[in-house]
């Protein structure tokens, strides 16, 4: 069942910063159903990113039940939860 996409306040900035660094970014947010927000490509590697707003309290940054299920089903794949540009850049591999 598809749930409406709700973008976190920091997602647009994270996407802009990733693209500035040369990362290919495709928004998957409209897909819903727990699918991560972003598909990123960097140096031949694909990474899925779930964006959470780092300015919110930790309880407001928890994965939804649909997201938890997706993460469980896709365990072992390059799938990260990020809350800032540095954490996104590190997950994609731009920063070591």
PDB file of N, CA and C in Angstrom:
ATOM      1  N   UNK A   1       0.835  -1.174   0.000  1.00  0.00           N
ATOM      2  CA  UNK A   1       0.000   0.000   0.000  1.00  0.00           C
ATOM      3  C   UNK A   1       0.885   1.243   0.000  1.00  0.00           C
ATOM      4  N   UNK A   2       0.619   2.151  -0.897  1.00  0.00           N
ATOM      5  CA  UNK A   2       1.424   3.357  -1.023  1.00  0.00           C
ATOM      6  C   UNK A   2       0.960   4.419  -0.042  1.00  0.00           C
ATOM      7  N   UNK A   3       1.920   5.007   0.651  1.00  0.00           N
ATOM      8  CA  UNK A   3       1.639   6.133   1.542  1.00  0.00           C
ATOM      9  C   UNK A   3       2.215   7.373   0.887  1.00  0.00           C
ATOM     10  N   UNK A   4       1.575   8.504   1.087  1.00  0.00           N
ATOM     11  CA  UNK A   4       2.017   9.757   0.469  1.00  0.00           C
ATOM     12  C   UNK A   4       3.435  10.111   0.900  1.00  0.00           C
ATOM     13  N   UNK A   5       4.198  10.621  -0.046  1.00  0.00           N
ATOM     14  CA  UNK A   5       5.568  11.031   0.237  1.00  0.00           C
ATOM     15  C   UNK A   5       5.564  12.303   1.076  1.00  0.00           C
ATOM     16  N   UNK A   6       6.385  12.286   2.108  1.00  0.00           N
ATOM     17  CA  UNK A   6       6.549  13.467   2.952  1.00  0.00           C
ATOM     18  C   UNK A   6       8.046  13.727   3.039  1.00  0.00           C
ATOM     19  N   UNK A   7       8.472  14.835   2.448  1.00  0.00           N
ATOM     20  CA  UNK A   7       9.898  15.133   2.438  1.00  0.00           C
ATOM     21  C   UNK A   7      10.331  15.805   3.729  1.00  0.00           C
ATOM     22  N   UNK A   8      11.476  15.382   4.249  1.00  0.00           N
ATOM     23  CA  UNK A   8      12.034  16.045   5.412  1.00  0.00           C
ATOM     24  C   UNK A   8      12.582  17.404   4.995  1.00  0.00           C
ATOM     25  N   UNK A   9      12.610  18.335   5.941  1.00  0.00           N
ATOM     26  CA  UNK A   9      12.996  19.718   5.654  1.00  0.00           C
ATOM     27  C   UNK A   9      14.405  19.841   5.088  1.00  0.00           C
ATOM     28  N   UNK A  10      15.279  18.923   5.426  1.00  0.00           N
ATOM     29  CA  UNK A  10      16.675  18.999   4.985  1.00  0.00           C
ATOM     30  C   UNK A  10      16.954  18.256   3.682  1.00  0.00           C
ATOM     31  N   UNK A  11      15.958  17.584   3.128  1.00  0.00           N
ATOM     32  CA  UNK A  11      16.214  16.745   1.957  1.00  0.00           C
ATOM     33  C   UNK A  11      16.666  17.544   0.738  1.00  0.00           C
ATOM     34  N   UNK A  12      16.034  18.667   0.445  1.00  0.00           N
ATOM     35  CA  UNK A  12      16.413  19.456  -0.731  1.00  0.00           C
ATOM     36  C   UNK A  12      17.874  19.914  -0.635  1.00  0.00           C
ATOM     37  N   UNK A  13      18.306  20.319   0.553  1.00  0.00           N
ATOM     38  CA  UNK A  13      19.687  20.763   0.726  1.00  0.00           C
ATOM     39  C   UNK A  13      20.661  19.600   0.572  1.00  0.00           C
ATOM     40  N   UNK A  14      20.315  18.454   1.123  1.00  0.00           N
ATOM     41  CA  UNK A  14      21.170  17.273   0.992  1.00  0.00           C
ATOM     42  C   UNK A  14      21.305  16.892  -0.476  1.00  0.00           C
ATOM     43  N   UNK A  15      20.193  16.892  -1.211  1.00  0.00           N
ATOM     44  CA  UNK A  15      20.239  16.562  -2.640  1.00  0.00           C
ATOM     45  C   UNK A  15      21.124  17.558  -3.387  1.00  0.00           C
ATOM     46  N   UNK A  16      20.930  18.846  -3.128  1.00  0.00           N
ATOM     47  CA  UNK A  16      21.737  19.877  -3.796  1.00  0.00           C
ATOM     48  C   UNK A  16      23.218  19.688  -3.499  1.00  0.00           C
ATOM     49  N   UNK A  17      23.550  19.410  -2.243  1.00  0.00           N
ATOM     50  CA  UNK A  17      24.955  19.228  -1.856  1.00  0.00           C
ATOM     51  C   UNK A  17      25.557  17.975  -2.494  1.00  0.00           C
ATOM     52  N   UNK A  18      24.805  16.889  -2.545  1.00  0.00           N
ATOM     53  CA  UNK A  18      25.292  15.673  -3.195  1.00  0.00           C
ATOM     54  C   UNK A  18      25.581  15.946  -4.667  1.00  0.00           C
ATOM     55  N   UNK A  19      24.645  16.619  -5.331  1.00  0.00           N
ATOM     56  CA  UNK A  19      24.821  16.910  -6.758  1.00  0.00           C
ATOM     57  C   UNK A  19      26.011  17.838  -6.991  1.00  0.00           C
ATOM     58  N   UNK A  20      26.237  18.778  -6.085  1.00  0.00           N
ATOM     59  CA  UNK A  20      27.399  19.671  -6.199  1.00  0.00           C
ATOM     60  C   UNK A  20      28.697  18.874  -6.175  1.00  0.00           C
ATOM     61  N   UNK A  21      28.703  17.785  -5.454  1.00  0.00           N
ATOM     62  CA  UNK A  21      29.896  16.944  -5.351  1.00  0.00           C
ATOM     63  C   UNK A  21      29.996  15.933  -6.501  1.00  0.00           C
ATOM     64  N   UNK A  22      29.031  15.969  -7.416  1.00  0.00           N
ATOM     65  CA  UNK A  22      29.066  15.084  -8.572  1.00  0.00           C
ATOM     66  C   UNK A  22      28.311  13.783  -8.426  1.00  0.00           C
ATOM     67  N   UNK A  23      27.548  13.642  -7.349  1.00  0.00           N
ATOM     68  CA  UNK A  23      26.760  12.432  -7.120  1.00  0.00           C
ATOM     69  C   UNK A  23      25.483  12.507  -7.953  1.00  0.00           C
ATOM     70  N   UNK A  24      25.152  11.424  -8.633  1.00  0.00           N
ATOM     71  CA  UNK A  24      23.869  11.336  -9.325  1.00  0.00           C
ATOM     72  C   UNK A  24      22.801  11.039  -8.277  1.00  0.00           C
ATOM     73  N   UNK A  25      21.692  11.768  -8.324  1.00  0.00           N
ATOM     74  CA  UNK A  25      20.647  11.601  -7.321  1.00  0.00           C
ATOM     75  C   UNK A  25      19.289  11.500  -8.000  1.00  0.00           C
ATOM     76  N   UNK A  26      18.542  10.470  -7.651  1.00  0.00           N
ATOM     77  CA  UNK A  26      17.175  10.289  -8.125  1.00  0.00           C
ATOM     78  C   UNK A  26      16.277  10.199  -6.911  1.00  0.00           C
ATOM     79  N   UNK A  27      15.257  11.051  -6.853  1.00  0.00           N
ATOM     80  CA  UNK A  27      14.319  11.003  -5.741  1.00  0.00           C
ATOM     81  C   UNK A  27      13.341   9.854  -5.940  1.00  0.00           C
ATOM     82  N   UNK A  28      13.282   8.983  -4.956  1.00  0.00           N
ATOM     83  CA  UNK A  28      12.330   7.877  -4.942  1.00  0.00           C
ATOM     84  C   UNK A  28      11.184   8.153  -3.976  1.00  0.00           C
ATOM     85  N   UNK A  29      11.187   9.327  -3.367  1.00  0.00           N
ATOM     86  CA  UNK A  29      10.180   9.668  -2.361  1.00  0.00           C
ATOM     87  C   UNK A  29       8.747   9.467  -2.849  1.00  0.00           C
ATOM     88  N   UNK A  30       8.430   9.801  -4.104  1.00  0.00           N
ATOM     89  CA  UNK A  30       7.044   9.605  -4.547  1.00  0.00           C
ATOM     90  C   UNK A  30       6.582   8.145  -4.575  1.00  0.00           C
ATOM     91  N   UNK A  31       7.527   7.204  -4.554  1.00  0.00           N
ATOM     92  CA  UNK A  31       7.160   5.787  -4.594  1.00  0.00           C
ATOM     93  C   UNK A  31       6.405   5.396  -3.327  1.00  0.00           C
ATOM     94  N   UNK A  32       6.841   5.896  -2.182  1.00  0.00           N
ATOM     95  CA  UNK A  32       6.182   5.566  -0.920  1.00  0.00           C
ATOM     96  C   UNK A  32       6.400   4.121  -0.526  1.00  0.00           C
ATOM     97  N   UNK A  33       5.527   3.581   0.276  1.00  0.00           N
ATOM     98  CA  UNK A  33       5.557   2.183   0.723  1.00  0.00           C
ATOM     99  C   UNK A  33       6.854   1.787   1.409  1.00  0.00           C
ATOM    100  N   UNK A  34       7.542   2.737   2.042  1.00  0.00           N
ATOM    101  CA  UNK A  34       8.764   2.427   2.769  1.00  0.00           C
ATOM    102  C   UNK A  34      10.027   2.479   1.940  1.00  0.00           C
ATOM    103  N   UNK A  35       9.889   2.714   0.622  1.00  0.00           N
ATOM    104  CA  UNK A  35      11.068   2.809  -0.246  1.00  0.00           C
ATOM    105  C   UNK A  35      11.874   4.030   0.183  1.00  0.00           C
ATOM    106  N   UNK A  36      13.201   3.908   0.277  1.00  0.00           N
ATOM    107  CA  UNK A  36      14.029   5.044   0.696  1.00  0.00           C
ATOM    108  C   UNK A  36      13.846   6.262  -0.207  1.00  0.00           C
ATOM    109  N   UNK A  37      14.222   7.416   0.331  1.00  0.00           N
ATOM    110  CA  UNK A  37      13.998   8.687  -0.356  1.00  0.00           C
ATOM    111  C   UNK A  37      14.847   8.886  -1.598  1.00  0.00           C
ATOM    112  N   UNK A  38      16.091   8.415  -1.573  1.00  0.00           N
ATOM    113  CA  UNK A  38      17.029   8.747  -2.648  1.00  0.00           C
ATOM    114  C   UNK A  38      17.791   7.532  -3.144  1.00  0.00           C
ATOM    115  N   UNK A  39      17.975   7.485  -4.456  1.00  0.00           N
ATOM    116  CA  UNK A  39      18.890   6.537  -5.081  1.00  0.00           C
ATOM    117  C   UNK A  39      20.064   7.364  -5.573  1.00  0.00           C
ATOM    118  N   UNK A  40      21.261   7.033  -5.108  1.00  0.00           N
ATOM    119  CA  UNK A  40      22.455   7.815  -5.437  1.00  0.00           C
ATOM    120  C   UNK A  40      23.462   6.940  -6.170  1.00  0.00           C
ATOM    121  N   UNK A  41      24.121   7.554  -7.138  1.00  0.00           N
ATOM    122  CA  UNK A  41      25.173   6.869  -7.872  1.00  0.00           C
ATOM    123  C   UNK A  41      26.475   7.625  -7.754  1.00  0.00           C
ATOM    124  N   UNK A  42      27.542   6.912  -7.394  1.00  0.00           N
ATOM    125  CA  UNK A  42      28.855   7.529  -7.222  1.00  0.00           C
ATOM    126  C   UNK A  42      29.919   6.510  -7.569  1.00  0.00           C
ATOM    127  N   UNK A  43      30.700   6.803  -8.596  1.00  0.00           N
ATOM    128  CA  UNK A  43      31.831   5.964  -9.005  1.00  0.00           C
ATOM    129  C   UNK A  43      31.440   4.494  -9.178  1.00  0.00           C
ATOM    130  N   UNK A  44      30.361   4.259  -9.919  1.00  0.00           N
ATOM    131  CA  UNK A  44      29.929   2.909 -10.224  1.00  0.00           C
ATOM    132  C   UNK A  44      29.188   2.186  -9.121  1.00  0.00           C
ATOM    133  N   UNK A  45      28.864   2.879  -8.056  1.00  0.00           N
ATOM    134  CA  UNK A  45      28.184   2.271  -6.908  1.00  0.00           C
ATOM    135  C   UNK A  45      26.823   2.929  -6.729  1.00  0.00           C
ATOM    136  N   UNK A  46      25.779   2.126  -6.469  1.00  0.00           N
ATOM    137  CA  UNK A  46      24.451   2.642  -6.167  1.00  0.00           C
ATOM    138  C   UNK A  46      24.185   2.493  -4.677  1.00  0.00           C
ATOM    139  N   UNK A  47      23.605   3.531  -4.094  1.00  0.00           N
ATOM    140  CA  UNK A  47      23.320   3.556  -2.659  1.00  0.00           C
ATOM    141  C   UNK A  47      21.923   4.121  -2.463  1.00  0.00           C
ATOM    142  N   UNK A  48      21.168   3.509  -1.569  1.00  0.00           N
ATOM    143  CA  UNK A  48      19.853   4.015  -1.188  1.00  0.00           C
ATOM    144  C   UNK A  48      19.990   4.802   0.113  1.00  0.00           C
ATOM    145  N   UNK A  49      19.365   5.979   0.153  1.00  0.00           N
ATOM    146  CA  UNK A  49      19.409   6.813   1.360  1.00  0.00           C
ATOM    147  C   UNK A  49      18.002   7.129   1.842  1.00  0.00           C
ATOM    148  N   UNK A  50      17.777   6.898   3.103  1.00  0.00           N
ATOM    149  CA  UNK A  50      16.559   7.343   3.772  1.00  0.00           C
ATOM    150  C   UNK A  50      16.934   8.611   4.531  1.00  0.00           C
ATOM    151  N   UNK A  51      16.311   9.721   4.186  1.00  0.00           N
ATOM    152  CA  UNK A  51      16.635  11.006   4.804  1.00  0.00           C
ATOM    153  C   UNK A  51      15.717  11.261   5.992  1.00  0.00           C
ATOM    154  N   UNK A  52      16.334  11.590   7.110  1.00  0.00           N
ATOM    155  CA  UNK A  52      15.603  12.015   8.305  1.00  0.00           C
ATOM    156  C   UNK A  52      16.096  13.404   8.679  1.00  0.00           C
ATOM    157  N   UNK A  53      15.251  14.170   9.298  1.00  0.00           N
ATOM    158  CA  UNK A  53      15.585  15.549   9.670  1.00  0.00           C
ATOM    159  C   UNK A  53      16.352  15.539  10.985  1.00  0.00           C
ATOM    160  N   UNK A  54      17.641  15.851  10.922  1.00  0.00           N
ATOM    161  CA  UNK A  54      18.492  15.851  12.109  1.00  0.00           C
ATOM    162  C   UNK A  54      18.121  16.897  13.137  1.00  0.00           C
ATOM    163  N   UNK A  55      17.307  17.879  12.743  1.00  0.00           N
ATOM    164  CA  UNK A  55      16.872  18.918  13.681  1.00  0.00           C
ATOM    165  C   UNK A  55      15.733  18.443  14.581  1.00  0.00           C
ATOM    166  N   UNK A  56      15.106  17.341  14.225  1.00  0.00           N
ATOM    167  CA  UNK A  56      13.997  16.818  15.026  1.00  0.00           C
ATOM    168  C   UNK A  56      14.516  15.960  16.178  1.00  0.00           C
ATOM    169  N   UNK A  57      13.689  15.797  17.169  1.00  0.00           N
ATOM    170  CA  UNK A  57      14.052  14.941  18.305  1.00  0.00           C
ATOM    171  C   UNK A  57      14.188  13.503  17.798  1.00  0.00           C
ATOM    172  N   UNK A  58      15.030  12.698  18.444  1.00  0.00           N
ATOM    173  CA  UNK A  58      15.254  11.332  17.963  1.00  0.00           C
ATOM    174  C   UNK A  58      13.976  10.520  17.749  1.00  0.00           C
ATOM    175  N   UNK A  59      12.982  10.683  18.593  1.00  0.00           N
ATOM    176  CA  UNK A  59      11.761   9.904  18.419  1.00  0.00           C
ATOM    177  C   UNK A  59      11.024  10.259  17.130  1.00  0.00           C
ATOM    178  N   UNK A  60      11.220  11.474  16.632  1.00  0.00           N
ATOM    179  CA  UNK A  60      10.577  11.906  15.385  1.00  0.00           C
ATOM    180  C   UNK A  60      11.385  11.489  14.158  1.00  0.00           C
ATOM    181  N   UNK A  61      12.553  10.887  14.383  1.00  0.00           N
ATOM    182  CA  UNK A  61      13.410  10.451  13.278  1.00  0.00           C
ATOM    183  C   UNK A  61      13.378   8.940  13.092  1.00  0.00           C
ATOM    184  N   UNK A  62      12.513   8.283  13.821  1.00  0.00           N
ATOM    185  CA  UNK A  62      12.424   6.827  13.726  1.00  0.00           C
ATOM    186  C   UNK A  62      11.865   6.421  12.364  1.00  0.00           C
ATOM    187  N   UNK A  63      12.246   5.242  11.920  1.00  0.00           N
ATOM    188  CA  UNK A  63      11.689   4.697  10.696  1.00  0.00           C
ATOM    189  C   UNK A  63      10.219   4.346  10.906  1.00  0.00           C
ATOM    190  N   UNK A  64       9.427   4.539   9.866  1.00  0.00           N
ATOM    191  CA  UNK A  64       8.025   4.134   9.928  1.00  0.00           C
ATOM    192  C   UNK A  64       7.972   2.607   9.821  1.00  0.00           C
ATOM    193  N   UNK A  65       6.843   2.001  10.144  1.00  0.00           N
ATOM    194  CA  UNK A  65       6.735   0.543   9.977  1.00  0.00           C
ATOM    195  C   UNK A  65       7.025   0.095   8.537  1.00  0.00           C
ATOM    196  N   UNK A  66       6.554   0.838   7.544  1.00  0.00           N
ATOM    197  CA  UNK A  66       6.844   0.485   6.152  1.00  0.00           C
ATOM    198  C   UNK A  66       8.346   0.566   5.869  1.00  0.00           C
ATOM    199  N   UNK A  67       9.003   1.594   6.399  1.00  0.00           N
ATOM    200  CA  UNK A  67      10.444   1.736   6.201  1.00  0.00           C
ATOM    201  C   UNK A  67      11.203   0.617   6.905  1.00  0.00           C
ATOM    202  N   UNK A  68      10.779   0.271   8.109  1.00  0.00           N
ATOM    203  CA  UNK A  68      11.426  -0.825   8.830  1.00  0.00           C
ATOM    204  C   UNK A  68      11.344  -2.124   8.035  1.00  0.00           C
ATOM    205  N   UNK A  69      10.178  -2.397   7.457  1.00  0.00           N
ATOM    206  CA  UNK A  69       9.998  -3.605   6.662  1.00  0.00           C
ATOM    207  C   UNK A  69      10.910  -3.581   5.442  1.00  0.00           C
ATOM    208  N   UNK A  70      10.990  -2.451   4.748  1.00  0.00           N
ATOM    209  CA  UNK A  70      11.870  -2.331   3.584  1.00  0.00           C
ATOM    210  C   UNK A  70      13.319  -2.595   3.992  1.00  0.00           C
ATOM    211  N   UNK A  71      13.753  -1.987   5.075  1.00  0.00           N
ATOM    212  CA  UNK A  71      15.132  -2.170   5.545  1.00  0.00           C
ATOM    213  C   UNK A  71      15.401  -3.635   5.893  1.00  0.00           C
ATOM    214  N   UNK A  72      14.425  -4.290   6.484  1.00  0.00           N
ATOM    215  CA  UNK A  72      14.593  -5.702   6.832  1.00  0.00           C
ATOM    216  C   UNK A  72      14.691  -6.555   5.565  1.00  0.00           C
ATOM    217  N   UNK A  73      13.807  -6.295   4.598  1.00  0.00           N
ATOM    218  CA  UNK A  73      13.800  -7.084   3.371  1.00  0.00           C
ATOM    219  C   UNK A  73      15.054  -6.845   2.525  1.00  0.00           C
ATOM    220  N   UNK A  74      15.613  -5.643   2.599  1.00  0.00           N
ATOM    221  CA  UNK A  74      16.777  -5.276   1.795  1.00  0.00           C
ATOM    222  C   UNK A  74      18.071  -5.289   2.620  1.00  0.00           C
ATOM    223  N   UNK A  75      18.060  -5.978   3.735  1.00  0.00           N
ATOM    224  CA  UNK A  75      19.252  -6.069   4.585  1.00  0.00           C
ATOM    225  C   UNK A  75      20.427  -6.578   3.764  1.00  0.00           C
ATOM    226  N   UNK A  76      21.591  -5.989   3.992  1.00  0.00           N
ATOM    227  CA  UNK A  76      22.787  -6.380   3.268  1.00  0.00           C
ATOM    228  C   UNK A  76      23.051  -5.533   2.033  1.00  0.00           C
ATOM    229  N   UNK A  77      22.070  -4.762   1.626  1.00  0.00           N
ATOM    230  CA  UNK A  77      22.241  -3.850   0.493  1.00  0.00           C
ATOM    231  C   UNK A  77      22.783  -2.517   1.015  1.00  0.00           C
ATOM    232  N   UNK A  78      23.394  -1.699   0.137  1.00  0.00           N
ATOM    233  CA  UNK A  78      23.881  -0.389   0.580  1.00  0.00           C
ATOM    234  C   UNK A  78      22.707   0.562   0.816  1.00  0.00           C
ATOM    235  N   UNK A  79      22.194   0.533   2.035  1.00  0.00           N
ATOM    236  CA  UNK A  79      21.015   1.297   2.433  1.00  0.00           C
ATOM    237  C   UNK A  79      21.314   1.978   3.762  1.00  0.00           C
ATOM    238  N   UNK A  80      21.237   3.311   3.764  1.00  0.00           N
ATOM    239  CA  UNK A  80      21.638   4.080   4.941  1.00  0.00           C
ATOM    240  C   UNK A  80      20.566   5.091   5.325  1.00  0.00           C
ATOM    241  N   UNK A  81      20.492   5.373   6.609  1.00  0.00           N
ATOM    242  CA  UNK A  81      19.666   6.464   7.117  1.00  0.00           C
ATOM    243  C   UNK A  81      20.609   7.624   7.375  1.00  0.00           C
ATOM    244  N   UNK A  82      20.309   8.778   6.784  1.00  0.00           N
ATOM    245  CA  UNK A  82      21.166   9.954   6.922  1.00  0.00           C
ATOM    246  C   UNK A  82      20.340  11.116   7.452  1.00  0.00           C
ATOM    247  N   UNK A  83      21.034  12.047   8.139  1.00  0.00           N
ATOM    248  CA  UNK A  83      20.307  13.195   8.694  1.00  0.00           C
ATOM    249  C   UNK A  83      20.990  14.526   8.395  1.00  0.00           C
ATOM    250  N   UNK A  84      22.017  14.477   7.535  1.00  0.00           N
ATOM    251  CA  UNK A  84      22.759  15.692   7.206  1.00  0.00           C
ATOM    252  C   UNK A  84      23.561  15.468   5.931  1.00  0.00           C
ATOM    253  N   UNK A  85      24.069  16.560   5.379  1.00  0.00           N
ATOM    254  CA  UNK A  85      24.927  16.431   4.199  1.00  0.00           C
ATOM    255  C   UNK A  85      26.167  15.597   4.504  1.00  0.00           C
ATOM    256  N   UNK A  86      26.889  15.854   5.601  1.00  0.00           N
ATOM    257  CA  UNK A  86      28.071  15.010   5.859  1.00  0.00           C
ATOM    258  C   UNK A  86      27.741  13.519   5.976  1.00  0.00           C
ATOM    259  N   UNK A  87      26.641  13.189   6.622  1.00  0.00           N
ATOM    260  CA  UNK A  87      26.304  11.762   6.764  1.00  0.00           C
ATOM    261  C   UNK A  87      25.914  11.162   5.406  1.00  0.00           C
ATOM    262  N   UNK A  88      25.273  11.951   4.545  1.00  0.00           N
ATOM    263  CA  UNK A  88      24.925  11.488   3.200  1.00  0.00           C
ATOM    264  C   UNK A  88      26.174  11.294   2.353  1.00  0.00           C
ATOM    265  N   UNK A  89      27.089  12.252   2.399  1.00  0.00           N
ATOM    266  CA  UNK A  89      28.335  12.151   1.638  1.00  0.00           C
ATOM    267  C   UNK A  89      29.162  10.945   2.100  1.00  0.00           C
ATOM    268  N   UNK A  90      29.166  10.699   3.378  1.00  0.00           N
ATOM    269  CA  UNK A  90      29.899   9.549   3.903  1.00  0.00           C
ATOM    270  C   UNK A  90      29.235   8.236   3.465  1.00  0.00           C
ATOM    271  N   UNK A  91      27.914   8.182   3.521  1.00  0.00           N
ATOM    272  CA  UNK A  91      27.204   6.962   3.126  1.00  0.00           C
ATOM    273  C   UNK A  91      27.429   6.631   1.655  1.00  0.00           C
ATOM    274  N   UNK A  92      27.462   7.648   0.815  1.00  0.00           N
ATOM    275  CA  UNK A  92      27.654   7.445  -0.619  1.00  0.00           C
ATOM    276  C   UNK A  92      29.110   7.101  -0.935  1.00  0.00           C
ATOM    277  N   UNK A  93      30.025   7.534  -0.096  1.00  0.00           N
ATOM    278  CA  UNK A  93      31.433   7.231  -0.294  1.00  0.00           C
ATOM    279  C   UNK A  93      32.264   8.417  -0.761  1.00  0.00           C
ATOM    280  N   UNK A  94      31.657   9.589  -0.810  1.00  0.00           N
ATOM    281  CA  UNK A  94      32.402  10.787  -1.201  1.00  0.00           C
ATOM    282  C   UNK A  94      33.395  11.153  -0.107  1.00  0.00           C
ATOM    283  N   UNK A  95      32.971  11.027   1.151  1.00  0.00           N
ATOM    284  CA  UNK A  95      33.844  11.255   2.311  1.00  0.00           C
ATOM    285  C   UNK A  95      34.196   9.914   2.916  1.00  0.00           C
ATOM    286  N   UNK A  96      35.416   9.764   3.343  1.00  0.00           N
ATOM    287  CA  UNK A  96      35.844   8.499   3.966  1.00  0.00           C
ATOM    288  C   UNK A  96      35.536   8.500   5.434  1.00  0.00           C
TER     289      UNK A  96
END
